[in-house]
Amino acid sequence: MSSSVTPVPTTTRDDSSNDWIWMGMALLAHTGWGAYPVLARYLQTVTLLPSMSLLAFGNLIALAVFAPFVLRRLDGRFLLQPAIWAFAFFVVLRAITNVLAARYTLAVYVQLITLMTPLLVALLSFLLFRDRLPPYTWTAIGFSLLGSLLLMSGDLAGQGFTLVLTASDWLGIGLALVSAISLAFYMILIPRTVKSAIPGEAVMLVQLTVLTLTTGMISLMIGEDWSRYAVIGATDWAIFFGFVVFVMLGSNLGQIAALRHLGAPLVSSTMAWRLIATLVLAALLLGERLTSFWQALGALIVLATITIYLRLQRSF
């Protein structure tokens, strides 16, 4: 799975003493989504696994682990709901563009675009459905763009305040933007289809199934070489299974649990943690580090802007 939001039943906020446990789970889920572009980039550019095979094989394993626990409890009639197939469409589009974005540009650039999703949701809802634009949205967009430009200054080699992006970077950033817009539409659909009463587990099951089948067929159609899996080493297998278990499966399930106990506003208010996770893991695994004052300043601006914006929305 590469969608970072799964629809769950609306529940009453539980102000119990165990809230810190669920907040910890939310942070772990955000850490997983922060790791996503780093691990996806490593597996495609270092391990050299074909992109579509990575999604197909990874989702197949996640499906094999997840399905036995939910199939016996789910009513097959949920497959007749149009909403669940709309969710699945945007998840497939999101997954394919997201994993390809990580192939063509730096992990932190992909995560920067992903963090813009709440702003894209607000803007698209305003433009397409005439919903009220949340306060400070334009201000947040402005500061986020400023921070992103600063973070992209130089080429992570200390060249100062110069925007240096290759053709590959632009392609990756464009794919990441399509991915973020797909996720935004996915999130917009959630409150508009509550009446369908589709369980979160059902949506996840369909998403895993559709992703496995779709990316598997694409992989076969374009002739990807799956023999690469037979020659990779133990470290690469460990990273692959970490990608599948911790991100594709663990982050989704952890986020579902946190959303049910804390509610979407509180869980989403810590979304900026993903950028920190991406920066740390990219430095350790890929050697992609911030090396200039401008890049560090840009990262701080984006972190502060997204955090403050999401927390402010909880008060309106």
C-alpha atoms as a PDB file:
ATOM      1  CA  MET A   1       0.000   0.000   0.000  1.00  0.00           C
ATOM      2  CA  SER A   2       1.176   3.471  -0.683  1.00  0.00           C
ATOM      3  CA  SER A   3      -1.900   5.359   0.217  1.00  0.00           C
ATOM      4  CA  SER A   4      -1.454   7.093   3.527  1.00  0.00           C
ATOM      5  CA  VAL A   5      -5.105   7.447   4.430  1.00  0.00           C
ATOM      6  CA  THR A   6      -7.599   4.632   4.897  1.00  0.00           C
ATOM      7  CA  PRO A   7     -11.259   5.421   5.611  1.00  0.00           C
ATOM      8  CA  VAL A   8     -12.385   4.255   9.014  1.00  0.00           C
ATOM      9  CA  PRO A   9     -15.657   4.500  10.904  1.00  0.00           C
ATOM     10  CA  THR A  10     -16.167   7.788  12.692  1.00  0.00           C
ATOM     11  CA  THR A  11     -15.792   7.368  16.440  1.00  0.00           C
ATOM     12  CA  THR A  12     -16.083   9.537  19.480  1.00  0.00           C
ATOM     13  CA  ARG A  13     -12.796  10.935  20.748  1.00  0.00           C
ATOM     14  CA  ASP A  14     -11.562   8.842  23.680  1.00  0.00           C
ATOM     15  CA  ASP A  15      -9.703  11.002  26.228  1.00  0.00           C
ATOM     16  CA  SER A  16      -8.324   8.075  28.174  1.00  0.00           C
ATOM     17  CA  SER A  17      -4.945   7.778  29.826  1.00  0.00           C
ATOM     18  CA  ASN A  18      -3.873   5.485  26.986  1.00  0.00           C
ATOM     19  CA  ASP A  19      -3.904   8.297  24.428  1.00  0.00           C
ATOM     20  CA  TRP A  20      -0.127   8.548  24.521  1.00  0.00           C
ATOM     21  CA  ILE A  21       0.090   4.932  23.336  1.00  0.00           C
ATOM     22  CA  TRP A  22      -2.092   5.660  20.316  1.00  0.00           C
ATOM     23  CA  MET A  23      -0.172   8.863  19.598  1.00  0.00           C
ATOM     24  CA  GLY A  24       3.007   6.787  19.658  1.00  0.00           C
ATOM     25  CA  MET A  25       1.395   4.431  17.160  1.00  0.00           C
ATOM     26  CA  ALA A  26       0.455   7.395  14.968  1.00  0.00           C
ATOM     27  CA  LEU A  27       4.063   8.598  15.031  1.00  0.00           C
ATOM     28  CA  LEU A  28       5.265   5.115  14.098  1.00  0.00           C
ATOM     29  CA  ALA A  29       2.828   5.122  11.166  1.00  0.00           C
ATOM     30  CA  HIS A  30       4.095   8.553  10.078  1.00  0.00           C
ATOM     31  CA  THR A  31       7.646   7.233  10.408  1.00  0.00           C
ATOM     32  CA  GLY A  32       6.731   4.398   8.055  1.00  0.00           C
ATOM     33  CA  TRP A  33       5.330   6.802   5.470  1.00  0.00           C
ATOM     34  CA  GLY A  34       8.445   8.934   5.903  1.00  0.00           C
ATOM     35  CA  ALA A  35      10.523   5.840   5.164  1.00  0.00           C
ATOM     36  CA  TYR A  36       8.494   4.988   2.054  1.00  0.00           C
ATOM     37  CA  PRO A  37      10.318   7.166  -0.535  1.00  0.00           C
ATOM     38  CA  VAL A  38      13.716   6.289   0.969  1.00  0.00           C
ATOM     39  CA  LEU A  39      13.184   2.532   0.882  1.00  0.00           C
ATOM     40  CA  ALA A  40      11.468   2.684  -2.512  1.00  0.00           C
ATOM     41  CA  ARG A  41      14.369   4.724  -3.917  1.00  0.00           C
ATOM     42  CA  TYR A  42      16.969   2.366  -2.433  1.00  0.00           C
ATOM     43  CA  LEU A  43      15.280  -0.758  -3.768  1.00  0.00           C
ATOM     44  CA  GLN A  44      14.991   0.737  -7.272  1.00  0.00           C
ATOM     45  CA  THR A  45      18.302   2.562  -7.625  1.00  0.00           C
ATOM     46  CA  VAL A  46      20.678   0.525  -5.418  1.00  0.00           C
ATOM     47  CA  THR A  47      19.146  -2.949  -5.323  1.00  0.00           C
ATOM     48  CA  LEU A  48      17.905  -2.389  -8.915  1.00  0.00           C
ATOM     49  CA  LEU A  49      14.511  -4.039  -8.470  1.00  0.00           C
ATOM     50  CA  PRO A  50      12.034  -3.247 -11.292  1.00  0.00           C
ATOM     51  CA  SER A  51       9.472  -0.658 -10.162  1.00  0.00           C
ATOM     52  CA  MET A  52       6.214  -2.453 -10.962  1.00  0.00           C
ATOM     53  CA  SER A  53       7.515  -5.777  -9.689  1.00  0.00           C
ATOM     54  CA  LEU A  54       8.384  -4.064  -6.409  1.00  0.00           C
ATOM     55  CA  LEU A  55       4.775  -2.957  -5.971  1.00  0.00           C
ATOM     56  CA  ALA A  56       3.304  -6.255  -7.199  1.00  0.00           C
ATOM     57  CA  PHE A  57       5.472  -8.534  -5.066  1.00  0.00           C
ATOM     58  CA  GLY A  58       5.334  -6.263  -2.030  1.00  0.00           C
ATOM     59  CA  ASN A  59       1.568  -5.919  -2.082  1.00  0.00           C
ATOM     60  CA  LEU A  60       1.162  -9.660  -2.719  1.00  0.00           C
ATOM     61  CA  ILE A  61       3.069 -10.434   0.484  1.00  0.00           C
ATOM     62  CA  ALA A  62       1.097  -7.822   2.439  1.00  0.00           C
ATOM     63  CA  LEU A  63      -2.138  -9.276   1.040  1.00  0.00           C
ATOM     64  CA  ALA A  64      -1.127 -12.815   2.010  1.00  0.00           C
ATOM     65  CA  VAL A  65      -0.508 -11.663   5.591  1.00  0.00           C
ATOM     66  CA  PHE A  66      -3.580  -9.435   5.891  1.00  0.00           C
ATOM     67  CA  ALA A  67      -6.319 -11.345   4.049  1.00  0.00           C
ATOM     68  CA  PRO A  68      -6.666 -14.396   6.350  1.00  0.00           C
ATOM     69  CA  PHE A  69      -7.482 -12.157   9.318  1.00  0.00           C
ATOM     70  CA  VAL A  70     -10.295 -10.210   7.630  1.00  0.00           C
ATOM     71  CA  LEU A  71     -11.876 -12.385   4.935  1.00  0.00           C
ATOM     72  CA  ARG A  72     -14.005 -14.408   7.337  1.00  0.00           C
ATOM     73  CA  ARG A  73     -15.348 -11.238   8.983  1.00  0.00           C
ATOM     74  CA  LEU A  74     -16.238  -9.259   5.867  1.00  0.00           C
ATOM     75  CA  ASP A  75     -19.503  -9.284   3.935  1.00  0.00           C
ATOM     76  CA  GLY A  76     -18.817  -9.688   0.217  1.00  0.00           C
ATOM     77  CA  ARG A  77     -21.601  -7.251  -0.602  1.00  0.00           C
ATOM     78  CA  PHE A  78     -19.213  -4.359   0.024  1.00  0.00           C
ATOM     79  CA  LEU A  79     -17.760  -5.145  -3.433  1.00  0.00           C
ATOM     80  CA  LEU A  80     -20.981  -3.785  -4.959  1.00  0.00           C
ATOM     81  CA  GLN A  81     -20.294  -0.310  -3.539  1.00  0.00           C
ATOM     82  CA  PRO A  82     -19.004   2.113  -6.235  1.00  0.00           C
ATOM     83  CA  ALA A  83     -17.121   4.058  -3.575  1.00  0.00           C
ATOM     84  CA  ILE A  84     -14.707   1.243  -2.850  1.00  0.00           C
ATOM     85  CA  TRP A  85     -13.681   1.046  -6.506  1.00  0.00           C
ATOM     86  CA  ALA A  86     -13.218   4.807  -6.645  1.00  0.00           C
ATOM     87  CA  PHE A  87     -10.887   4.473  -3.661  1.00  0.00           C
ATOM     88  CA  ALA A  88      -9.049   1.638  -5.392  1.00  0.00           C
ATOM     89  CA  PHE A  89      -8.556   3.657  -8.599  1.00  0.00           C
ATOM     90  CA  PHE A  90      -6.910   6.557  -6.811  1.00  0.00           C
ATOM     91  CA  VAL A  91      -4.797   4.207  -4.691  1.00  0.00           C
ATOM     92  CA  VAL A  92      -3.415   2.490  -7.800  1.00  0.00           C
ATOM     93  CA  LEU A  93      -2.648   5.824  -9.465  1.00  0.00           C
ATOM     94  CA  ARG A  94      -1.113   7.081  -6.233  1.00  0.00           C
ATOM     95  CA  ALA A  95       1.037   3.969  -5.756  1.00  0.00           C
ATOM     96  CA  ILE A  96       2.431   3.815  -9.283  1.00  0.00           C
ATOM     97  CA  THR A  97       3.319   7.512  -9.491  1.00  0.00           C
ATOM     98  CA  ASN A  98       4.715   7.534  -5.956  1.00  0.00           C
ATOM     99  CA  VAL A  99       7.098   4.635  -6.436  1.00  0.00           C
ATOM    100  CA  LEU A 100       8.273   6.005  -9.804  1.00  0.00           C
ATOM    101  CA  ALA A 101       8.796   9.453  -8.280  1.00  0.00           C
ATOM    102  CA  ALA A 102      11.188   7.911  -5.751  1.00  0.00           C
ATOM    103  CA  ARG A 103      13.085   6.303  -8.628  1.00  0.00           C
ATOM    104  CA  TYR A 104      13.730   9.567 -10.451  1.00  0.00           C
ATOM    105  CA  THR A 105      14.359  12.137  -7.715  1.00  0.00           C
ATOM    106  CA  LEU A 106      15.579  12.472  -4.138  1.00  0.00           C
ATOM    107  CA  ALA A 107      13.452  10.956  -1.381  1.00  0.00           C
ATOM    108  CA  VAL A 108      13.138  14.264   0.458  1.00  0.00           C
ATOM    109  CA  TYR A 109      11.710  15.951  -2.669  1.00  0.00           C
ATOM    110  CA  VAL A 110       9.027  13.257  -2.909  1.00  0.00           C
ATOM    111  CA  GLN A 111       8.155  13.693   0.766  1.00  0.00           C
ATOM    112  CA  LEU A 112       7.963  17.474   0.361  1.00  0.00           C
ATOM    113  CA  ILE A 113       5.253  17.094  -2.273  1.00  0.00           C
ATOM    114  CA  THR A 114       3.406  14.517  -0.159  1.00  0.00           C
ATOM    115  CA  LEU A 115       3.290  16.945   2.770  1.00  0.00           C
ATOM    116  CA  MET A 116       1.379  19.367   0.535  1.00  0.00           C
ATOM    117  CA  THR A 117      -1.575  16.922   0.432  1.00  0.00           C
ATOM    118  CA  PRO A 118      -3.672  18.640   3.164  1.00  0.00           C
ATOM    119  CA  LEU A 119      -3.277  21.927   1.284  1.00  0.00           C
ATOM    120  CA  LEU A 120      -4.244  20.258  -2.008  1.00  0.00           C
ATOM    121  CA  VAL A 121      -7.316  18.730  -0.337  1.00  0.00           C
ATOM    122  CA  ALA A 122      -8.444  22.162   0.870  1.00  0.00           C
ATOM    123  CA  LEU A 123      -7.749  23.813  -2.487  1.00  0.00           C
ATOM    124  CA  LEU A 124      -9.422  21.112  -4.616  1.00  0.00           C
ATOM    125  CA  SER A 125     -12.470  20.998  -2.329  1.00  0.00           C
ATOM    126  CA  PHE A 126     -12.774  24.777  -2.677  1.00  0.00           C
ATOM    127  CA  LEU A 127     -12.322  24.813  -6.470  1.00  0.00           C
ATOM    128  CA  LEU A 128     -14.362  21.727  -7.386  1.00  0.00           C
ATOM    129  CA  PHE A 129     -17.037  21.551  -4.701  1.00  0.00           C
ATOM    130  CA  ARG A 130     -17.220  25.154  -3.469  1.00  0.00           C
ATOM    131  CA  ASP A 131     -16.373  24.064   0.072  1.00  0.00           C
ATOM    132  CA  ARG A 132     -15.192  26.703   2.504  1.00  0.00           C
ATOM    133  CA  LEU A 133     -11.461  27.283   2.215  1.00  0.00           C
ATOM    134  CA  PRO A 134      -9.893  26.708   5.667  1.00  0.00           C
ATOM    135  CA  PRO A 135      -8.292  29.757   7.269  1.00  0.00           C
ATOM    136  CA  TYR A 136      -4.633  30.436   6.468  1.00  0.00           C
ATOM    137  CA  THR A 137      -4.582  28.016   3.515  1.00  0.00           C
ATOM    138  CA  TRP A 138      -3.050  30.519   1.069  1.00  0.00           C
ATOM    139  CA  THR A 139      -0.530  31.598   3.693  1.00  0.00           C
ATOM    140  CA  ALA A 140       0.436  27.988   4.317  1.00  0.00           C
ATOM    141  CA  ILE A 141       0.779  27.345   0.572  1.00  0.00           C
ATOM    142  CA  GLY A 142       3.063  30.358   0.244  1.00  0.00           C
ATOM    143  CA  PHE A 143       5.334  29.390   3.127  1.00  0.00           C
ATOM    144  CA  SER A 144       5.399  25.739   2.002  1.00  0.00           C
ATOM    145  CA  LEU A 145       6.493  26.722  -1.499  1.00  0.00           C
ATOM    146  CA  LEU A 146       9.143  29.048  -0.074  1.00  0.00           C
ATOM    147  CA  GLY A 147      10.465  26.325   2.225  1.00  0.00           C
ATOM    148  CA  SER A 148      10.475  23.788  -0.615  1.00  0.00           C
ATOM    149  CA  LEU A 149      12.445  26.099  -2.906  1.00  0.00           C
ATOM    150  CA  LEU A 150      14.992  26.716  -0.169  1.00  0.00           C
ATOM    151  CA  LEU A 151      15.304  23.000   0.554  1.00  0.00           C
ATOM    152  CA  MET A 152      15.856  22.304  -3.142  1.00  0.00           C
ATOM    153  CA  SER A 153      18.566  24.959  -3.359  1.00  0.00           C
ATOM    154  CA  GLY A 154      21.888  23.489  -4.414  1.00  0.00           C
ATOM    155  CA  ASP A 155      22.231  19.819  -5.247  1.00  0.00           C
ATOM    156  CA  LEU A 156      22.882  18.529  -1.719  1.00  0.00           C
ATOM    157  CA  ALA A 157      26.575  19.222  -2.376  1.00  0.00           C
ATOM    158  CA  GLY A 158      26.868  22.626  -0.744  1.00  0.00           C
ATOM    159  CA  GLN A 159      26.536  24.920  -3.765  1.00  0.00           C
ATOM    160  CA  GLY A 160      24.636  27.583  -1.848  1.00  0.00           C
ATOM    161  CA  PHE A 161      21.327  29.168  -2.773  1.00  0.00           C
ATOM    162  CA  THR A 162      20.978  28.002  -6.373  1.00  0.00           C
ATOM    163  CA  LEU A 163      18.098  25.865  -7.584  1.00  0.00           C
ATOM    164  CA  VAL A 164      19.733  22.935  -9.357  1.00  0.00           C
ATOM    165  CA  LEU A 165      17.291  20.324 -10.624  1.00  0.00           C
ATOM    166  CA  THR A 166      18.036  17.806 -13.348  1.00  0.00           C
ATOM    167  CA  ALA A 167      15.559  16.554 -15.931  1.00  0.00           C
ATOM    168  CA  SER A 168      15.232  13.409 -13.811  1.00  0.00           C
ATOM    169  CA  ASP A 169      14.400  15.544 -10.753  1.00  0.00           C
ATOM    170  CA  TRP A 170      11.681  17.410 -12.628  1.00  0.00           C
ATOM    171  CA  LEU A 171      10.183  14.111 -13.803  1.00  0.00           C
ATOM    172  CA  GLY A 172      10.228  12.724 -10.258  1.00  0.00           C
ATOM    173  CA  ILE A 173       8.717  15.899  -8.808  1.00  0.00           C
ATOM    174  CA  GLY A 174       6.002  15.862 -11.488  1.00  0.00           C
ATOM    175  CA  LEU A 175       5.160  12.250 -10.674  1.00  0.00           C
ATOM    176  CA  ALA A 176       5.121  13.078  -6.959  1.00  0.00           C
ATOM    177  CA  LEU A 177       2.679  15.919  -7.654  1.00  0.00           C
ATOM    178  CA  VAL A 178       0.344  13.581  -9.580  1.00  0.00           C
ATOM    179  CA  SER A 179       0.645  11.151  -6.661  1.00  0.00           C
ATOM    180  CA  ALA A 180      -0.231  13.842  -4.118  1.00  0.00           C
ATOM    181  CA  ILE A 181      -3.228  15.012  -6.178  1.00  0.00           C
ATOM    182  CA  SER A 182      -4.431  11.400  -6.398  1.00  0.00           C
ATOM    183  CA  LEU A 183      -4.165  11.079  -2.635  1.00  0.00           C
ATOM    184  CA  ALA A 184      -5.996  14.390  -2.222  1.00  0.00           C
ATOM    185  CA  PHE A 185      -8.909  13.133  -4.334  1.00  0.00           C
ATOM    186  CA  TYR A 186      -8.888   9.919  -2.315  1.00  0.00           C
ATOM    187  CA  MET A 187      -9.174  11.927   0.900  1.00  0.00           C
ATOM    188  CA  ILE A 188     -11.919  14.121  -0.557  1.00  0.00           C
ATOM    189  CA  LEU A 189     -13.951  11.017  -1.404  1.00  0.00           C
ATOM    190  CA  ILE A 190     -13.864   9.709   2.157  1.00  0.00           C
ATOM    191  CA  PRO A 191     -16.356  12.110   3.818  1.00  0.00           C
ATOM    192  CA  ARG A 192     -18.511  12.151   0.688  1.00  0.00           C
ATOM    193  CA  THR A 193     -19.047   8.392   0.814  1.00  0.00           C
ATOM    194  CA  VAL A 194     -19.558   7.857   4.544  1.00  0.00           C
ATOM    195  CA  LYS A 195     -23.125   6.761   3.819  1.00  0.00           C
ATOM    196  CA  SER A 196     -21.705   3.661   2.147  1.00  0.00           C
ATOM    197  CA  ALA A 197     -20.469   2.491   5.573  1.00  0.00           C
ATOM    198  CA  ILE A 198     -17.549   0.587   4.087  1.00  0.00           C
ATOM    199  CA  PRO A 199     -15.246  -0.899   6.756  1.00  0.00           C
ATOM    200  CA  GLY A 200     -11.652   0.301   6.666  1.00  0.00           C
ATOM    201  CA  GLU A 201     -10.471  -3.307   6.528  1.00  0.00           C
ATOM    202  CA  ALA A 202     -12.568  -3.904   3.391  1.00  0.00           C
ATOM    203  CA  VAL A 203     -11.063  -0.901   1.646  1.00  0.00           C
ATOM    204  CA  MET A 204      -7.552  -2.014   2.532  1.00  0.00           C
ATOM    205  CA  LEU A 205      -8.237  -5.554   1.308  1.00  0.00           C
ATOM    206  CA  VAL A 206      -9.533  -4.307  -2.055  1.00  0.00           C
ATOM    207  CA  GLN A 207      -6.644  -1.869  -2.389  1.00  0.00           C
ATOM    208  CA  LEU A 208      -4.029  -4.558  -1.764  1.00  0.00           C
ATOM    209  CA  THR A 209      -5.752  -6.907  -4.211  1.00  0.00           C
ATOM    210  CA  VAL A 210      -6.158  -4.329  -6.983  1.00  0.00           C
ATOM    211  CA  LEU A 211      -2.602  -3.045  -6.533  1.00  0.00           C
ATOM    212  CA  THR A 212      -1.181  -6.569  -6.729  1.00  0.00           C
ATOM    213  CA  LEU A 213      -3.126  -7.456  -9.872  1.00  0.00           C
ATOM    214  CA  THR A 214      -2.699  -4.125 -11.665  1.00  0.00           C
ATOM    215  CA  THR A 215       1.016  -3.650 -11.076  1.00  0.00           C
ATOM    216  CA  GLY A 216       1.639  -7.347 -11.697  1.00  0.00           C
ATOM    217  CA  MET A 217      -0.022  -7.134 -15.111  1.00  0.00           C
ATOM    218  CA  ILE A 218       1.843  -3.922 -15.975  1.00  0.00           C
ATOM    219  CA  SER A 219       5.118  -5.569 -14.961  1.00  0.00           C
ATOM    220  CA  LEU A 220       4.461  -8.521 -17.259  1.00  0.00           C
ATOM    221  CA  MET A 221       3.292  -6.300 -20.134  1.00  0.00           C
ATOM    222  CA  ILE A 222       6.438  -4.145 -20.106  1.00  0.00           C
ATOM    223  CA  GLY A 223       8.692  -7.163 -19.671  1.00  0.00           C
ATOM    224  CA  GLU A 224      10.326  -6.417 -16.336  1.00  0.00           C
ATOM    225  CA  ASP A 225      13.059  -8.852 -15.326  1.00  0.00           C
ATOM    226  CA  TRP A 226      12.033 -10.572 -12.087  1.00  0.00           C
ATOM    227  CA  SER A 227      15.234 -12.628 -12.012  1.00  0.00           C
ATOM    228  CA  ARG A 228      16.840  -9.776 -10.090  1.00  0.00           C
ATOM    229  CA  TYR A 229      15.180 -11.115  -6.926  1.00  0.00           C
ATOM    230  CA  ALA A 230      17.243 -14.300  -7.237  1.00  0.00           C
ATOM    231  CA  VAL A 231      20.593 -12.501  -6.945  1.00  0.00           C
ATOM    232  CA  ILE A 232      20.084  -9.813  -4.305  1.00  0.00           C
ATOM    233  CA  GLY A 233      21.808 -10.209  -0.940  1.00  0.00           C
ATOM    234  CA  ALA A 234      20.602 -10.526   2.639  1.00  0.00           C
ATOM    235  CA  THR A 235      20.744  -6.771   3.308  1.00  0.00           C
ATOM    236  CA  ASP A 236      18.586  -6.015   0.279  1.00  0.00           C
ATOM    237  CA  TRP A 237      16.072  -8.686   1.318  1.00  0.00           C
ATOM    238  CA  ALA A 238      15.945  -7.161   4.809  1.00  0.00           C
ATOM    239  CA  ILE A 239      15.204  -3.727   3.352  1.00  0.00           C
ATOM    240  CA  PHE A 240      12.601  -5.214   1.016  1.00  0.00           C
ATOM    241  CA  PHE A 241      10.759  -6.984   3.840  1.00  0.00           C
ATOM    242  CA  GLY A 242      11.054  -3.851   5.975  1.00  0.00           C
ATOM    243  CA  PHE A 243       9.392  -1.966   3.124  1.00  0.00           C
ATOM    244  CA  VAL A 244       6.572  -4.518   2.926  1.00  0.00           C
ATOM    245  CA  VAL A 245       5.987  -5.237   6.626  1.00  0.00           C
ATOM    246  CA  PHE A 246       6.751  -1.879   8.211  1.00  0.00           C
ATOM    247  CA  VAL A 247       5.423   0.458   5.492  1.00  0.00           C
ATOM    248  CA  MET A 248       2.896  -1.282   3.241  1.00  0.00           C
ATOM    249  CA  LEU A 249       1.229  -3.229   6.044  1.00  0.00           C
ATOM    250  CA  GLY A 250       2.331  -1.840   9.405  1.00  0.00           C
ATOM    251  CA  SER A 251       1.868   1.866   8.648  1.00  0.00           C
ATOM    252  CA  ASN A 252      -1.625   1.292   7.285  1.00  0.00           C
ATOM    253  CA  LEU A 253      -2.763  -0.812  10.239  1.00  0.00           C
ATOM    254  CA  GLY A 254      -1.111   1.505  12.764  1.00  0.00           C
ATOM    255  CA  GLN A 255      -2.752   4.525  11.205  1.00  0.00           C
ATOM    256  CA  ILE A 256      -6.181   2.844  11.213  1.00  0.00           C
ATOM    257  CA  ALA A 257      -5.840   2.067  14.936  1.00  0.00           C
ATOM    258  CA  ALA A 258      -4.634   5.588  15.760  1.00  0.00           C
ATOM    259  CA  LEU A 259      -7.428   7.200  13.729  1.00  0.00           C
ATOM    260  CA  ARG A 260     -10.076   5.153  15.525  1.00  0.00           C
ATOM    261  CA  HIS A 261      -8.838   6.122  18.982  1.00  0.00           C
ATOM    262  CA  LEU A 262      -7.613   9.692  18.433  1.00  0.00           C
ATOM    263  CA  GLY A 263      -9.521  10.969  15.401  1.00  0.00           C
ATOM    264  CA  ALA A 264      -8.209  12.313  12.103  1.00  0.00           C
ATOM    265  CA  PRO A 265      -7.433  15.910  13.221  1.00  0.00           C
ATOM    266  CA  LEU A 266      -5.051  14.848  15.991  1.00  0.00           C
ATOM    267  CA  VAL A 267      -3.342  12.144  13.930  1.00  0.00           C
ATOM    268  CA  SER A 268      -2.881  14.416  10.907  1.00  0.00           C
ATOM    269  CA  SER A 269      -1.496  17.241  13.070  1.00  0.00           C
ATOM    270  CA  THR A 270       1.739  15.258  13.448  1.00  0.00           C
ATOM    271  CA  MET A 271       2.082  14.620   9.705  1.00  0.00           C
ATOM    272  CA  ALA A 272       5.201  16.797   9.409  1.00  0.00           C
ATOM    273  CA  TRP A 273       7.089  14.111  11.340  1.00  0.00           C
ATOM    274  CA  ARG A 274       7.270  12.250   8.016  1.00  0.00           C
ATOM    275  CA  LEU A 275       9.756  14.790   6.664  1.00  0.00           C
ATOM    276  CA  ILE A 276      12.039  14.290   9.670  1.00  0.00           C
ATOM    277  CA  ALA A 277      11.897  10.516   9.179  1.00  0.00           C
ATOM    278  CA  THR A 278      12.704  10.917   5.481  1.00  0.00           C
ATOM    279  CA  LEU A 279      15.655  13.229   6.129  1.00  0.00           C
ATOM    280  CA  VAL A 280      17.185  10.953   8.767  1.00  0.00           C
ATOM    281  CA  LEU A 281      16.720   7.704   6.867  1.00  0.00           C
ATOM    282  CA  ALA A 282      17.820   9.203   3.523  1.00  0.00           C
ATOM    283  CA  ALA A 283      21.051  10.384   5.145  1.00  0.00           C
ATOM    284  CA  LEU A 284      21.722   6.965   6.684  1.00  0.00           C
ATOM    285  CA  LEU A 285      20.695   4.738   3.785  1.00  0.00           C
ATOM    286  CA  LEU A 286      21.236   6.821   0.654  1.00  0.00           C
ATOM    287  CA  GLY A 287      23.772   9.430   1.730  1.00  0.00           C
ATOM    288  CA  GLU A 288      21.334  12.205   0.739  1.00  0.00           C
ATOM    289  CA  ARG A 289      21.991  14.954   3.277  1.00  0.00           C
ATOM    290  CA  LEU A 290      21.174  18.625   3.718  1.00  0.00           C
ATOM    291  CA  THR A 291      24.488  20.422   3.422  1.00  0.00           C
ATOM    292  CA  SER A 292      23.654  24.132   3.324  1.00  0.00           C
ATOM    293  CA  PHE A 293      22.066  26.680   5.634  1.00  0.00           C
ATOM    294  CA  TRP A 294      19.344  27.364   3.054  1.00  0.00           C
ATOM    295  CA  GLN A 295      18.316  23.724   2.856  1.00  0.00           C
ATOM    296  CA  ALA A 296      18.079  23.404   6.638  1.00  0.00           C
ATOM    297  CA  LEU A 297      16.078  26.635   6.810  1.00  0.00           C
ATOM    298  CA  GLY A 298      13.728  25.374   4.098  1.00  0.00           C
ATOM    299  CA  ALA A 299      13.129  22.119   5.966  1.00  0.00           C
ATOM    300  CA  LEU A 300      12.330  24.032   9.174  1.00  0.00           C
ATOM    301  CA  ILE A 301       9.898  26.328   7.331  1.00  0.00           C
ATOM    302  CA  VAL A 302       8.017  23.386   5.803  1.00  0.00           C
ATOM    303  CA  LEU A 303       7.911  21.506   9.121  1.00  0.00           C
ATOM    304  CA  ALA A 304       6.638  24.532  11.020  1.00  0.00           C
ATOM    305  CA  THR A 305       4.125  25.545   8.338  1.00  0.00           C
ATOM    306  CA  ILE A 306       2.455  22.138   7.953  1.00  0.00           C
ATOM    307  CA  THR A 307       2.386  21.520  11.715  1.00  0.00           C
ATOM    308  CA  ILE A 308       0.915  24.933  12.577  1.00  0.00           C
ATOM    309  CA  TYR A 309      -1.605  24.790   9.710  1.00  0.00           C
ATOM    310  CA  LEU A 310      -2.934  21.364  10.692  1.00  0.00           C
ATOM    311  CA  ARG A 311      -3.108  22.238  14.375  1.00  0.00           C
ATOM    312  CA  LEU A 312      -4.956  25.479  13.620  1.00  0.00           C
ATOM    313  CA  GLN A 313      -7.584  23.565  11.650  1.00  0.00           C
ATOM    314  CA  ARG A 314      -8.431  21.588  14.808  1.00  0.00           C
ATOM    315  CA  SER A 315      -9.621  24.801  16.451  1.00  0.00           C
ATOM    316  CA  PHE A 316     -12.083  25.739  13.679  1.00  0.00           C
END
